[in-house]
Amino acid sequence: MKTGITKGLLFIFMTLMIVSCQTRNNKTGTAVIDTEQIKKEIQAKEDEFAEVYNTGEMKTIGYYADDAITFTQNSPAIAGKPAIIEYLKANIDSLSKNNKISFQTNEVFPSNDGNQVVEIGYYRVVDSAGTLINSGNYMSLFVKRDGRYVSLRDMSASDIPLE
């Protein structure tokens, strides 16, 4: 009789252990991240940024988070979406008048949950005749807020030598 009770309790204990371990693994299991889909989403953000920038209408840009910081070349860091937009507006004539910028997302490195993504890309600026004016590489850190990615930090480096 004691053997039957002991076996029964052991069976119940083992069953509870197996069920609790499986439940725990399902709760803490990593989500499946579709890196190619994330890359497409980030490229779409870059394409939208280029389109807005090339029109010169910086007021409609939705690329940056409100608390973003951008590290521009040859100047101090610019903090906050309003300051970044003002910087872009102030420099739009000298940087892009009759020029077109484009961005190419080369790699993305999403976090395990997909809520943060580091992007590495390449940019090009050409004049109205298609002649290369500037090009280089950039890195951006995107975070997902309200279901969409926004740039929290970015920096770029030109590959055109200084004269």
Protein backbone atom coordinates (compact mmCIF):
# COMPACT_ATOMS: atom_id res chain seq x y z
CA MET A 1 0.00 0.00 0.00
CA LYS A 2 2.79 2.41 0.92
CA THR A 3 4.55 1.53 -2.33
CA GLY A 4 1.41 2.37 -4.33
CA ILE A 5 0.99 5.73 -2.59
CA THR A 6 4.69 6.51 -3.02
CA LYS A 7 4.57 5.62 -6.72
CA GLY A 8 1.41 7.70 -7.16
CA LEU A 9 2.95 10.72 -5.44
CA LEU A 10 6.15 10.30 -7.44
CA PHE A 11 4.13 10.13 -10.67
CA ILE A 12 2.18 13.30 -9.76
CA PHE A 13 5.40 15.09 -8.77
CA MET A 14 7.14 14.15 -12.03
CA THR A 15 4.10 15.16 -14.10
CA LEU A 16 3.95 18.56 -12.35
CA MET A 17 7.68 19.09 -12.94
CA ILE A 18 7.39 18.30 -16.66
CA VAL A 19 4.35 20.55 -17.11
CA SER A 20 5.89 23.43 -15.18
CA CYS A 21 9.16 23.21 -17.14
CA GLN A 22 7.32 23.20 -20.46
CA THR A 23 5.19 26.18 -19.40
CA ARG A 24 8.25 28.08 -18.27
CA ASN A 25 10.08 27.42 -21.55
CA ASN A 26 7.09 28.61 -23.58
CA LYS A 27 6.84 31.82 -21.54
CA THR A 28 10.53 32.66 -21.79
CA GLY A 29 11.17 31.29 -25.28
CA THR A 30 12.58 33.75 -27.75
CA ALA A 31 10.32 35.14 -30.43
CA VAL A 32 11.00 34.28 -34.03
CA ILE A 33 12.49 37.39 -35.63
CA ASP A 34 12.11 37.85 -39.39
CA THR A 35 15.29 39.78 -40.17
CA GLU A 36 14.41 40.20 -43.86
CA GLN A 37 11.04 41.73 -42.98
CA ILE A 38 12.69 44.10 -40.51
CA LYS A 39 15.24 45.05 -43.18
CA LYS A 40 12.36 45.88 -45.57
CA GLU A 41 10.68 48.02 -42.89
CA ILE A 42 13.89 49.92 -42.18
CA GLN A 43 14.58 50.42 -45.90
CA ALA A 44 11.04 51.81 -46.26
CA LYS A 45 11.84 54.31 -43.44
CA GLU A 46 15.03 55.31 -45.27
CA ASP A 47 13.18 55.70 -48.59
CA GLU A 48 10.54 57.86 -46.88
CA PHE A 49 13.24 60.00 -45.26
CA ALA A 50 15.00 60.50 -48.63
CA GLU A 51 11.72 61.41 -50.35
CA VAL A 52 10.84 64.00 -47.70
CA TYR A 53 14.40 65.36 -47.58
CA ASN A 54 14.61 65.65 -51.37
CA THR A 55 11.41 67.73 -51.46
CA GLY A 56 12.79 70.12 -48.83
CA GLU A 57 9.61 69.81 -46.72
CA MET A 58 11.18 68.71 -43.47
CA LYS A 59 8.06 69.36 -41.39
CA THR A 60 6.52 66.03 -42.39
CA ILE A 61 9.47 63.85 -41.42
CA GLY A 62 8.49 60.96 -39.16
CA TYR A 63 11.88 59.29 -39.13
CA TYR A 64 13.17 60.42 -35.73
CA ALA A 65 11.97 59.69 -32.20
CA ASP A 66 11.17 62.76 -30.11
CA ASP A 67 14.26 62.06 -27.96
CA ALA A 68 16.58 61.22 -30.87
CA ILE A 69 20.18 62.33 -31.07
CA THR A 70 22.02 62.63 -34.37
CA PHE A 71 25.77 62.83 -34.68
CA THR A 72 26.51 64.91 -37.75
CA GLN A 73 29.84 65.41 -39.44
CA ASN A 74 32.00 68.33 -38.32
CA SER A 75 29.54 69.59 -35.69
CA PRO A 76 28.32 68.77 -32.18
CA ALA A 77 25.58 66.20 -31.57
CA ILE A 78 22.03 67.45 -32.08
CA ALA A 79 19.49 66.33 -29.48
CA GLY A 80 15.73 66.12 -29.91
CA LYS A 81 13.54 65.79 -32.98
CA PRO A 82 12.70 69.53 -33.16
CA ALA A 83 16.41 70.47 -33.07
CA ILE A 84 17.27 67.86 -35.71
CA ILE A 85 14.53 69.13 -38.01
CA GLU A 86 15.69 72.72 -37.53
CA TYR A 87 19.26 71.66 -38.36
CA LEU A 88 18.08 69.89 -41.52
CA LYS A 89 15.95 72.89 -42.55
CA ALA A 90 18.83 75.33 -41.98
CA ASN A 91 21.19 73.24 -44.09
CA ILE A 92 18.82 72.01 -46.78
CA ASP A 93 19.79 74.63 -49.35
CA SER A 94 23.51 74.07 -48.98
CA LEU A 95 23.22 70.29 -48.78
CA SER A 96 20.50 69.35 -51.20
CA LYS A 97 19.37 72.13 -53.52
CA ASN A 98 18.87 70.33 -56.85
CA ASN A 99 20.60 67.28 -55.31
CA LYS A 100 19.08 63.92 -54.42
CA ILE A 101 20.00 61.73 -51.50
CA SER A 102 19.35 57.99 -51.35
CA PHE A 103 19.93 55.39 -48.68
CA GLN A 104 20.66 51.68 -48.94
CA THR A 105 20.13 49.45 -45.91
CA ASN A 106 22.96 46.92 -46.02
CA GLU A 107 22.54 45.07 -42.72
CA VAL A 108 20.17 45.02 -39.78
CA PHE A 109 20.83 43.58 -36.35
CA PRO A 110 17.55 43.22 -34.42
CA SER A 111 17.35 42.59 -30.70
CA ASN A 112 15.92 39.24 -29.56
CA ASP A 113 12.44 40.75 -29.27
CA GLY A 114 12.71 42.91 -32.42
CA ASN A 115 12.05 46.13 -30.51
CA GLN A 116 15.49 47.55 -31.26
CA VAL A 117 17.39 47.37 -34.54
CA VAL A 118 20.86 48.55 -35.47
CA GLU A 119 21.06 49.40 -39.15
CA ILE A 120 24.23 49.75 -41.19
CA GLY A 121 23.79 51.44 -44.54
CA TYR A 122 25.23 53.46 -47.37
CA TYR A 123 24.13 56.87 -48.65
CA ARG A 124 24.70 58.74 -51.91
CA VAL A 125 24.09 62.34 -52.90
CA VAL A 126 23.99 63.14 -56.62
CA ASP A 127 23.34 66.39 -58.47
CA SER A 128 20.65 66.90 -61.13
CA ALA A 129 22.94 65.35 -63.77
CA GLY A 130 23.54 62.26 -61.61
CA THR A 131 27.12 63.21 -60.74
CA LEU A 132 28.24 61.95 -57.34
CA ILE A 133 28.62 64.78 -54.82
CA ASN A 134 28.92 62.84 -51.59
CA SER A 135 28.63 59.28 -50.34
CA GLY A 136 29.40 57.36 -47.22
CA ASN A 137 28.24 54.99 -44.53
CA TYR A 138 25.86 55.39 -41.63
CA MET A 139 24.59 53.57 -38.57
CA SER A 140 21.20 54.04 -36.98
CA LEU A 141 19.62 52.64 -33.86
CA PHE A 142 15.88 52.19 -34.29
CA VAL A 143 13.39 51.49 -31.52
CA LYS A 144 9.83 50.35 -31.94
CA ARG A 145 7.34 52.82 -30.48
CA ASP A 146 3.61 52.63 -30.97
CA GLY A 147 4.15 49.72 -33.37
CA ARG A 148 6.59 51.46 -35.73
CA TYR A 149 10.32 51.97 -35.89
CA VAL A 150 11.81 55.40 -35.24
CA SER A 151 15.46 56.42 -35.21
CA LEU A 152 16.78 57.02 -31.70
CA ARG A 153 20.46 57.55 -32.62
CA ASP A 154 22.23 57.94 -35.92
CA MET A 155 25.60 58.94 -37.31
CA SER A 156 27.27 59.02 -40.68
CA ALA A 157 30.73 59.26 -42.18
CA SER A 158 31.51 60.48 -45.68
CA ASP A 159 33.89 58.42 -47.78
CA ILE A 160 34.81 61.45 -49.90
CA PRO A 161 38.22 62.82 -48.84
CA LEU A 162 38.34 66.37 -47.47
CA GLU A 163 40.03 68.83 -49.78
